Each structure stands twice: as structure tokens, then as C-alpha cells.
Protein backbone atom coordinates (compact mmCIF):
# COMPACT_ATOMS: atom_id res chain seq x y z
CA MET A 1 28.49 -12.20 -50.94
CA ALA A 2 25.57 -14.46 -51.91
CA ALA A 3 27.52 -16.04 -54.76
CA LYS A 4 30.52 -16.70 -52.52
CA GLU A 5 28.28 -18.38 -49.93
CA LEU A 6 27.10 -20.90 -52.51
CA GLU A 7 30.70 -21.91 -53.19
CA ASP A 8 31.14 -23.21 -49.64
CA GLU A 9 29.04 -26.36 -49.69
CA SER A 10 29.73 -27.04 -46.01
CA ARG A 11 27.45 -24.13 -45.14
CA LEU A 12 24.57 -25.15 -47.39
CA GLN A 13 21.47 -27.04 -46.32
CA VAL A 14 17.83 -27.39 -47.25
CA ILE A 15 15.97 -24.16 -46.52
CA HIS A 16 12.28 -23.29 -46.84
CA GLY A 17 12.72 -20.21 -49.02
CA ASP A 18 9.58 -18.40 -47.79
CA PHE A 19 9.75 -18.87 -44.05
CA TRP A 20 7.38 -16.45 -42.35
CA THR A 21 4.47 -16.63 -39.89
CA GLY A 22 1.88 -17.04 -42.66
CA ASN A 23 3.41 -20.41 -43.52
CA VAL A 24 3.38 -21.74 -39.95
CA LEU A 25 0.22 -23.38 -38.61
CA LEU A 26 -0.59 -23.81 -34.92
CA PRO A 27 -3.44 -25.86 -33.42
CA ASP A 28 -6.65 -23.95 -32.74
CA SER A 29 -6.64 -24.79 -29.04
CA PRO A 30 -5.31 -23.27 -25.80
CA ILE A 31 -1.54 -23.51 -25.41
CA ARG A 32 -0.52 -24.60 -21.92
CA GLU A 33 2.93 -24.49 -20.45
CA GLY A 34 4.63 -27.88 -20.59
CA ASP A 35 2.43 -29.27 -23.37
CA ASP A 36 3.95 -30.55 -26.62
CA ILE A 37 2.57 -28.50 -29.51
CA ASN A 38 2.41 -29.71 -33.08
CA VAL A 39 3.62 -27.00 -35.47
CA PHE A 40 3.15 -27.39 -39.23
CA VAL A 41 5.29 -25.55 -41.78
CA ILE A 42 3.54 -25.38 -45.17
CA ASP A 43 4.15 -24.08 -48.74
CA TRP A 44 7.49 -25.68 -49.54
CA GLU A 45 7.42 -24.90 -53.25
CA MET A 46 10.31 -22.41 -52.86
CA SER A 47 12.52 -24.78 -50.89
CA GLN A 48 16.12 -24.92 -52.08
CA ILE A 49 19.71 -25.45 -51.06
CA GLY A 50 21.05 -22.35 -49.33
CA VAL A 51 22.32 -20.81 -46.10
CA PRO A 52 20.00 -21.01 -43.07
CA ASN A 53 20.42 -17.28 -42.40
CA LEU A 54 17.92 -16.60 -45.19
CA ASP A 55 15.06 -18.41 -43.43
CA LEU A 56 15.99 -17.13 -40.00
CA GLY A 57 16.43 -13.53 -41.18
CA GLN A 58 13.11 -13.54 -43.03
CA MET A 59 11.20 -14.78 -39.99
CA VAL A 60 12.82 -12.22 -37.69
CA ALA A 61 12.14 -9.42 -40.19
CA GLU A 62 8.48 -10.38 -40.57
CA LEU A 63 8.05 -10.36 -36.79
CA TYR A 64 9.94 -7.07 -36.54
CA GLU A 65 7.48 -5.49 -38.97
CA LEU A 66 4.75 -5.96 -36.36
CA LYS A 67 6.70 -3.60 -34.11
CA LEU A 68 7.66 -1.14 -36.85
CA TYR A 69 4.21 -0.83 -38.46
CA LYS A 70 1.75 -1.66 -35.68
CA ASN A 71 3.83 -1.02 -32.53
CA ILE A 72 3.11 -4.61 -31.47
CA THR A 73 6.08 -5.45 -29.26
CA ALA A 74 4.88 -9.05 -29.03
CA GLY A 75 6.52 -9.55 -32.42
CA LEU A 76 9.91 -9.04 -30.80
CA TRP A 77 8.97 -11.40 -27.96
CA ILE A 78 8.09 -14.13 -30.47
CA ALA A 79 11.36 -13.51 -32.29
CA GLN A 80 13.15 -13.77 -28.96
CA GLY A 81 11.53 -17.11 -28.17
CA PHE A 82 12.21 -18.39 -31.68
CA LEU A 83 15.91 -17.46 -31.41
CA GLU A 84 16.17 -19.08 -28.00
CA GLY A 85 14.83 -22.28 -29.51
CA TYR A 86 17.25 -21.94 -32.41
CA GLY A 87 20.17 -22.06 -29.98
CA ALA A 88 23.46 -20.24 -29.57
CA VAL A 89 25.11 -18.96 -32.75
CA SER A 90 28.40 -17.26 -33.55
CA ASP A 91 28.66 -13.52 -34.06
CA ASP A 92 29.39 -14.08 -37.77
CA PHE A 93 26.17 -16.09 -38.10
CA ALA A 94 24.22 -13.39 -36.21
CA PHE A 95 25.62 -10.59 -38.41
CA ARG A 96 24.79 -12.53 -41.59
CA THR A 97 21.26 -13.08 -40.28
CA ALA A 98 20.98 -9.37 -39.50
CA ILE A 99 21.96 -8.52 -43.09
CA GLN A 100 19.09 -10.72 -44.28
CA VAL A 101 16.73 -8.99 -41.82
CA GLY A 102 17.66 -5.61 -43.27
CA ALA A 103 17.41 -6.82 -46.86
CA HIS A 104 13.96 -8.29 -46.23
CA LEU A 105 12.74 -5.08 -44.55
CA ILE A 106 13.80 -3.05 -47.58
CA SER A 107 12.67 -5.41 -50.34
CA PHE A 108 9.48 -6.92 -48.88
CA GLY A 109 8.76 -4.85 -45.78
CA THR A 110 8.23 -1.69 -47.84
CA SER A 111 5.83 -3.38 -50.25
CA VAL A 112 3.20 -4.60 -47.77
CA GLN A 113 -0.06 -3.08 -48.93
CA GLY A 114 -2.13 -1.18 -46.38
CA TRP A 115 0.14 -1.78 -43.40
CA GLY A 116 1.29 1.76 -42.77
CA THR A 117 1.55 5.35 -43.87
CA PRO A 118 4.14 6.56 -46.40
CA GLU A 119 6.14 7.88 -43.46
CA GLN A 120 6.13 4.45 -41.81
CA VAL A 121 7.24 2.79 -45.07
CA GLU A 122 10.11 5.24 -45.29
CA GLU A 123 11.03 4.52 -41.66
CA VAL A 124 11.03 0.74 -42.32
CA ALA A 125 13.37 1.27 -45.27
CA ARG A 126 15.64 3.42 -43.12
CA VAL A 127 15.70 0.80 -40.36
CA GLY A 128 16.53 -1.89 -42.91
CA ARG A 129 19.38 0.21 -44.28
CA ASP A 130 20.80 0.84 -40.80
CA VAL A 131 20.59 -2.86 -39.91
CA ILE A 132 22.52 -3.82 -43.06
CA VAL A 133 25.19 -1.14 -42.57
CA HIS A 134 25.86 -1.96 -38.93
CA ALA A 135 25.77 -5.72 -39.57
CA TRP A 136 28.28 -5.30 -42.41
CA GLN A 137 30.50 -3.28 -40.06
CA LYS A 138 30.00 -5.97 -37.38
CA ASP A 139 28.96 -3.27 -34.92
CA ARG A 140 27.83 -5.51 -32.05
CA GLU A 141 27.40 -2.56 -29.67
CA TRP A 142 24.84 -0.93 -32.00
CA PHE A 143 22.76 -4.11 -32.02
CA ARG A 144 23.13 -4.55 -28.26
CA ARG A 145 21.39 -1.20 -27.74
CA GLY A 146 18.60 -1.82 -30.25
CA ASP A 147 15.54 -3.96 -30.92
CA LEU A 148 17.56 -6.79 -32.49
CA ALA A 149 19.83 -7.41 -29.51
CA CYS A 150 18.18 -10.84 -29.26
CA LEU A 151 20.30 -11.95 -32.23
CA PHE A 152 23.36 -11.78 -29.99
CA GLN A 153 22.10 -12.35 -26.44
CA PRO A 154 18.92 -14.43 -26.76
CA THR A 155 18.57 -15.18 -23.04
CA GLN A 156 18.63 -11.60 -21.79
CA THR A 157 16.56 -9.28 -23.96
CA CYS A 158 12.93 -10.42 -23.99
CA PHE A 159 12.00 -9.12 -20.56
CA ALA A 160 14.27 -6.09 -20.99
CA THR A 161 12.44 -5.23 -24.22
CA PHE A 162 9.09 -5.60 -22.46
CA VAL A 163 10.12 -3.33 -19.56
CA ALA A 164 11.61 -0.70 -21.88
CA SER A 165 8.57 -0.68 -24.17
CA LYS A 166 6.18 -0.41 -21.23
CA ALA A 167 8.12 2.47 -19.69
CA ILE A 168 8.28 4.40 -22.97
CA LYS A 169 4.57 3.88 -23.68
CA ARG A 170 3.64 5.25 -20.27
CA LEU A 171 6.04 8.10 -20.79
CA GLU A 172 4.15 9.01 -23.97
CA VAL A 173 0.94 9.22 -21.92
CA LEU A 174 2.78 11.40 -19.41
CA GLN A 175 3.95 13.73 -22.18
CA ARG A 176 0.44 14.15 -23.54
CA GLU A 177 -0.98 14.91 -20.10
CA THR A 178 1.65 17.47 -19.12
CA ARG A 179 2.42 19.34 -22.33
CA GLY A 180 -1.01 20.94 -22.80
CA PRO A 181 -2.86 21.36 -26.12
CA ARG A 182 0.25 22.49 -28.02
CA LEU A 183 3.65 20.93 -28.52
CA PRO A 184 6.21 22.55 -26.19
CA SER A 185 8.89 24.72 -27.78
CA ARG A 186 11.58 22.95 -25.73
CA PRO A 187 11.94 19.48 -24.19
CA GLN A 188 10.07 18.88 -20.94
CA ARG A 189 12.30 18.42 -17.89
CA TYR A 190 11.80 15.28 -15.78
CA LEU A 191 13.44 14.81 -12.40
CA LEU A 192 14.36 11.16 -11.92
CA ALA A 193 14.70 10.17 -8.26
CA LEU A 194 17.77 7.95 -8.26
CA SER A 195 18.24 5.54 -5.37
CA ARG A 196 21.03 3.65 -7.16
CA GLY A 197 18.87 0.56 -6.78
CA PRO A 198 17.90 -1.66 -9.73
CA SER A 199 14.58 0.00 -10.59
CA SER A 200 15.64 3.64 -10.71
CA THR A 201 18.91 2.64 -12.41
CA ALA A 202 17.02 0.63 -15.04
CA LEU A 203 14.61 3.52 -15.57
CA LEU A 204 17.53 5.93 -15.97
CA HIS A 205 19.12 3.59 -18.52
CA ILE A 206 15.86 3.18 -20.50
CA LEU A 207 15.14 6.90 -20.69
CA ASP A 208 18.76 7.82 -21.45
CA GLU A 209 18.77 5.27 -24.30
CA ASN A 210 15.49 6.71 -25.60
CA VAL A 211 16.94 10.24 -25.69
CA ARG A 212 20.11 8.95 -27.36
CA ARG A 213 18.08 7.23 -30.08
CA GLN A 214 16.04 10.38 -30.71
CA ARG A 215 19.23 12.35 -31.24
CA GLU A 216 20.80 9.60 -33.33
CA ARG A 217 17.80 9.65 -35.67
CA ASN A 218 17.74 13.48 -35.77
CA GLN A 219 14.30 13.46 -34.13
CA ARG A 220 12.97 16.13 -31.82
CA VAL A 221 14.08 15.32 -28.27
CA LYS A 222 10.91 15.22 -26.19
CA PHE A 223 12.30 15.34 -22.66
CA GLU A 224 15.40 16.19 -20.65
CA LEU A 225 16.44 14.08 -17.66
CA VAL A 226 17.60 15.53 -14.34
CA PRO A 227 18.73 12.61 -12.12
CA VAL A 228 18.70 13.46 -8.39
CA PHE A 229 20.04 11.32 -5.57
CA VAL A 230 18.79 12.13 -2.05
CA ASP A 231 21.57 11.25 0.38
CA VAL A 232 20.29 10.26 3.83
CA ASP A 233 23.53 11.32 5.48
CA VAL A 234 22.85 10.14 9.04
CA ASP A 235 23.15 6.90 10.99
CA VAL A 236 19.58 6.23 12.14
CA ASP A 237 17.30 3.21 12.14
CA VAL A 238 15.25 4.12 9.08
CA SER A 239 14.03 1.25 6.91
CA THR A 240 14.07 2.60 3.37
CA GLU A 241 12.99 0.17 0.66
CA GLN A 242 15.09 -0.31 -2.47
CA ASP A 243 13.48 -0.35 -5.90
CA THR A 244 13.36 -2.93 -8.72
CA SER A 245 9.90 -2.58 -10.27
CA PRO A 246 8.54 -0.37 -13.05
CA PRO A 247 8.73 3.31 -12.14
CA ALA A 248 6.27 5.59 -10.44
CA VAL A 249 5.63 9.08 -11.65
CA SER A 250 4.49 12.04 -9.66
CA SER A 251 4.26 15.61 -10.76
CA ASN A 252 6.09 18.53 -9.25
CA PRO A 253 3.50 20.45 -7.21
CA ALA A 254 4.49 23.53 -9.19
CA THR A 255 2.96 22.02 -12.36
CA ALA A 256 0.38 19.51 -13.57
CA GLY A 257 -0.15 15.73 -13.32
CA ALA A 258 1.88 12.73 -14.49
CA THR A 259 2.00 8.94 -14.83
CA GLU A 260 3.90 5.64 -14.37
CA ALA A 261 3.79 2.75 -11.95
CA ALA A 262 4.45 2.34 -8.21
CA PRO A 263 4.59 4.98 -5.49
CA SER A 264 6.95 6.31 -2.85
CA PRO A 265 10.33 8.00 -3.07
CA SER A 266 13.60 6.52 -4.25
CA THR A 267 16.35 7.20 -1.73
CA SER A 268 19.56 5.73 -0.40
CA ARG A 269 19.77 3.63 2.71
CA PRO A 270 20.86 5.84 5.62
CA THR A 271 24.42 5.35 6.79
CA SER A 272 26.84 7.21 8.95
CA THR A 273 28.49 10.22 7.32
CA SER A 274 32.01 8.87 7.64
CA ALA A 275 31.13 5.42 6.35
CA ALA A 276 28.94 6.65 3.54
CA ALA A 277 31.36 9.09 1.95
CA PRO A 278 33.71 6.66 0.14
CA SER A 279 30.91 4.40 -1.07
CA SER A 280 28.80 7.37 -2.16
CA SER A 281 31.72 8.84 -4.08
CA ALA A 282 32.50 5.50 -5.76
CA ASP A 283 28.85 5.04 -6.73
CA ALA A 284 28.72 8.56 -8.12
CA ASP A 285 31.84 7.93 -10.21
CA ALA A 286 30.36 4.69 -11.56
CA PHE A 287 27.12 6.41 -12.57
CA ALA A 288 28.99 9.35 -14.09
CA ALA A 289 31.09 6.94 -16.17
CA HIS A 290 28.06 4.98 -17.38
CA PHE A 291 25.97 8.08 -18.14
CA PRO A 292 28.58 10.60 -19.32
CA GLU A 293 26.05 12.97 -20.90
CA LEU A 294 24.04 13.34 -17.69
CA THR A 295 24.78 15.28 -14.52
CA ILE A 296 23.84 13.31 -11.39
CA HIS A 297 22.73 15.81 -8.76
CA LYS A 298 23.25 14.87 -5.10
CA VAL A 299 20.94 16.45 -2.51
CA PRO A 300 21.62 15.86 1.21
CA LEU A 301 18.47 15.15 3.16
CA SER A 302 19.62 17.68 5.74
CA SER A 303 19.03 20.44 3.17
CA ILE A 304 15.28 20.13 3.75
CA LEU A 305 15.46 21.00 7.49
CA SER A 306 14.67 24.67 6.87
CA SER A 307 11.85 24.00 4.40
CA PRO A 308 8.79 26.23 4.92
CA GLY A 309 6.63 23.55 3.29
CA ILE A 310 6.74 21.21 6.31
CA ASP A 311 4.70 21.63 9.48
CA TRP A 312 7.62 21.54 11.93
CA ALA A 313 5.35 22.42 14.86
CA SER A 314 4.13 18.82 15.04
CA LEU A 315 7.70 17.43 15.02
CA PRO A 316 10.50 17.49 17.62
CA ALA A 317 12.41 20.74 17.99
CA GLN A 318 15.71 21.08 16.10
CA ASN A 319 19.06 22.20 17.47
CA PRO A 320 20.07 25.08 15.16
CA SER A 321 23.57 25.26 16.67
CA LEU A 322 24.58 21.92 15.08
CA PRO A 323 25.92 21.45 11.53
CA PRO A 324 23.23 20.24 9.10
CA SER A 325 24.20 16.53 9.13
CA GLN A 326 24.45 16.37 12.93
CA ARG A 327 21.30 18.44 13.21
CA LEU A 328 19.45 15.87 11.11
CA ALA A 329 20.84 12.98 13.19
CA ASP A 330 19.80 14.74 16.39
CA PHE A 331 16.35 15.39 14.92
CA PHE A 332 15.84 11.70 14.06
CA ALA A 333 17.12 10.65 17.49
CA ARG A 334 14.34 12.70 19.10
CA LEU A 335 11.62 10.75 17.25
CA PRO A 336 9.93 8.18 19.49
CA SER A 337 10.19 5.00 17.35
CA ALA A 338 11.62 3.35 14.28
CA SER A 339 8.22 3.62 12.61
CA ALA A 340 8.17 7.37 13.23
CA ARG A 341 11.69 7.70 11.82
CA ALA A 342 10.72 5.73 8.69
CA ASP A 343 7.60 7.86 8.17
CA VAL A 344 9.42 11.15 8.66
CA SER A 345 12.31 10.03 6.45
CA ARG A 346 9.85 9.25 3.64
CA LEU A 347 8.16 12.61 4.12
CA LEU A 348 11.43 14.58 4.12
CA THR A 349 12.74 12.70 1.09
CA ARG A 350 9.61 13.47 -0.88
CA HIS A 351 9.88 17.16 0.02
CA ALA A 352 13.57 17.16 -0.93
CA LEU A 353 12.66 15.77 -4.36
CA PHE A 354 9.93 18.37 -4.87
CA ALA A 355 12.31 21.15 -3.83
CA ALA A 356 14.94 19.86 -6.26
CA ALA A 357 12.33 19.65 -9.02
CA ALA A 358 11.36 23.27 -8.43
CA ALA A 359 15.02 24.37 -8.35
CA HIS A 360 15.78 22.64 -11.67
CA GLY A 361 12.57 23.67 -13.40
CA CYS A 362 11.23 20.11 -13.67
CA GLY A 363 7.52 19.53 -14.20
CA VAL A 364 7.55 15.84 -13.26
CA VAL A 365 9.20 13.60 -10.66
CA LEU A 366 9.79 9.96 -11.67
CA LEU A 367 9.96 7.45 -8.80
CA GLY A 368 10.79 3.75 -8.62
CA TYR A 369 9.82 0.98 -6.18
CA THR A 370 9.78 -2.79 -5.83
CA THR A 371 6.59 -4.81 -5.70
CA THR A 372 8.01 -6.43 -2.56
CA SER A 373 8.48 -3.04 -0.94
CA LEU A 374 4.95 -2.04 -1.93
CA ALA A 375 3.66 -5.15 -0.21
CA GLU A 376 5.73 -4.36 2.89
CA LEU A 377 4.47 -0.79 2.85
CA THR A 378 0.85 -1.97 2.58
CA LEU A 379 1.23 -4.36 5.52
CA SER A 380 3.08 -1.84 7.70
CA GLU A 381 0.54 0.93 7.05
CA ALA A 382 -2.32 -1.45 7.88
CA ALA A 383 -0.54 -2.57 11.07
CA LYS A 384 -0.17 1.08 12.12
CA GLY A 385 -3.90 1.63 11.73
CA ARG A 386 -3.47 3.76 8.63
CA GLY A 387 -5.22 1.50 6.15
CA PHE A 388 -7.25 4.43 4.84
CA GLY A 389 -4.06 5.85 3.29
CA ILE A 390 -3.01 2.68 1.46
CA PRO A 391 -4.94 3.40 -1.79
CA TRP A 392 -3.24 6.79 -1.99
CA LEU A 393 0.15 5.06 -1.72
CA VAL A 394 -0.31 2.15 -4.11
CA ASN A 395 -3.33 2.80 -6.39
CA ASP A 396 -3.24 3.71 -10.07
CA GLY A 397 -4.75 6.98 -11.24
CA ALA A 398 -4.63 10.61 -10.21
CA PHE A 399 -4.16 11.71 -6.61
CA PRO A 400 -3.60 15.09 -4.94
CA LEU A 401 -0.23 16.09 -3.55
CA PRO A 402 0.04 18.09 -0.31
CA ARG A 403 1.01 21.70 -0.70
CA GLY A 404 4.70 21.70 0.06
CA GLU A 405 8.03 23.31 -0.46
CA ALA A 406 7.95 23.53 -4.23
CA GLU A 407 4.60 25.34 -4.12
CA ARG A 408 5.75 27.82 -1.53
CA GLU A 409 8.95 28.57 -3.42
CA THR A 410 7.32 28.89 -6.86
CA ARG A 411 3.56 29.42 -7.19
CA PRO A 412 0.39 27.88 -5.73
CA CYS A 413 -1.24 25.06 -7.71
CA PRO A 414 -3.51 22.04 -7.13
CA GLY A 415 -0.56 19.60 -7.25
CA LYS A 416 -1.68 16.35 -8.84
CA SER A 417 0.04 13.08 -9.63
CA ARG A 418 -0.80 9.80 -11.34
CA ARG A 419 0.41 6.26 -11.03
CA SER A 420 -0.33 3.52 -13.53
């Protein structure tokens, strides 16, 4: 391949020959957005006539090594920015660059002294091999799902890589906190509260991809996902926020604590039963098609009406003669205000998630929320005179969970959760 490339003079140009971060000098001064920055490329003694993929592939590989050896995801961000500056390229150019990335990882990336353990060196060689094989096969889908997606879609992956890396890192903390002193004999089960909004959907995608990669690499699968959608199957004036931010994590009250970012349940917006059915079914089909290896569990909010974990004495009486959906609608109609309906809806949704977690043997509940919704929640709670409860709703760190349905149906426990 290399010899054939040299025959096509139209593709040849002056290249550096040793283009990596150690040969790029930046000014020793703060870098401010909008400023022009002088960048100096040094050590040109290996410059030659060749294909530009060699320089580009070497730089990307060197930056990728930061992630592979040191788990520094900023290396991928720099590569992303560099590729954006390089401009749009054809798929053939991207695949040729990827082949150079893999070749550099194997030939130079495995010879860096003192950068990693023998296991890490072996992993770098394996990654390099996989990159070469899939680039040779022109397997664009494989690259789209991996760390080097920026070679093909440079305007979309930087932030996605950041969000995915942040979620997985926090998940590792969660695993350490919930597994105990010994490694579990089977994967931990995590209930993911799915609202079908951007945040919970993105979280589902990130975690599903992580499990898929573990299996693809023949690694031990560390967790099993149980996605649950709480269907508010009534037509009431309940303002339920949608989610787009990093996820929150709370533990099932039947087990120990957990972690992630942002509180409050993920649920659907309430709609009438007749109007919601077609849309709900279509959404379910779309999720089932996109996540074929997962079972999306649907839990009607009305299923929580007989829960022994809720103090029903302080709430309006229910009409037991009505079907569950109508009974729930009648129950909400008896509440005195929209604020009361929103509060009770949030409470019931949380209990429905805990009950589902207990039923499916899940030790953790993962929740998503938007920063906008958190701000709205903070303002509304303060306006209602409940400012004392705001830290519990939005703060990082451990917090106690009320004894609820899951505890009554399984076993008593302190019930803790963490947000970060």
C-alpha cells in the first residue's frame, strides 16, 4: 500500500515526518478565546515527500495514547479540535489516516518507556490492531461507536466523548461504593428511569454501548441495565420536567448508596389515556428497535395506588370502585392545586421506581434531569416556602431516602443515595 501511494504523485506533498505534540511549541502565556496564537512546529530533519495521512495519523495516535495509558480524555478533545481545524475529509482519507493511527500505536505506542503496565502495553497493541483491521475493512459503523469517531464526524463527537467519559467514570465510583469489599459474582443490576427525554435516552445509550464494548472485548460485564418507563396515564395538570443533563443516581432503599449527577425522577409528561396510547406504543417500538438487546419495562403510575409505603392518610381518599387509570385521575382531581398535583406526582413516580427496582432485584436507580429543570425546581420550592429541602434535591453527596415501598416489600435498611 505504501509503495503504491508513492506512485501517485498527485497525492504527495511535503510532510513533517515526526509530527507529534513534542514537536509543537505554544506560547507560555494564558490562551484566551478569540486571540491569535502563534504555534511553532520544530524538528524538521525528517521532513519528506509523502501522504499527509502519515502526519495526521501520528498526531492523533500520540494524543490517543494519553487516553489509553493515562485515562486523560483531554487527549481526544485535542484531537477533535485538531481535526476540526484540519477540515472535512473523505471517508477514504479518514480510513487511511486510521490505518496510520493503528500502525503508530503498535510500532511506537508499545515502546514508550515507563508509560504503563505490561497489561496496558498489550491493550494498546490490541487497540492498534483493531483500528487497522476495521479501517482496512472500511467499517465506518465500528469507528462511529468508538473513540476515533472524530475522524469521520469532527463536529459532533467532542462533547459526546466528554459526556460519555464523565458518566462512565462516575459509574465506576458507583460500582466501588455498592459492590462491597469483594467483586460480585454476577453483574450488578441498575434500574434506569427512562423518561424518553434526551438525558435519560443519552444515558441509556452510553451505558448500553459500554456493556456492548465489554462483551466485544471479552471482558467481565460489570452491570446489567433494567430500563423502566413510568407512564403517567392520566390527563391532569402536572408539570413534569424533561431531562437533558448528566444523570442522577439514587440507590434502591433495599440496598446501599450510589452516585451520579442531578436529582428527581425521570417520567413521561401526563396525557390522557386515549391520546397517549398510540404515541406511547410508537415510542416503545422506536426504543425497542434502537436497543434490541434490552427489555424496556413500562410501569403505569396507577400501579402505585395500593403501595403500603405511602402515607395515604394525609392525602385525599381514593375511589376503589374505579379502574386504576380512572382511579388515579380521580385522585389527582381531588388535590387542591397544580402545585400539589406536581408534588404528589413526583412522590408517586419515585415510589413507583423504587417498587420496580425491588421487583427486578436492582440495587441502584439511575435518574436524569436538565439543569434548567433543576433551576425551575429550586425556584418553585423556594416560592412554596420549602427552601430547607432544596439542598436535599439538588446537592451532591449522600442523602437519606424515606422508608418506602421497596423497604416494606423486601427488608428494612437505612436507604441512602448520592448525587455528584
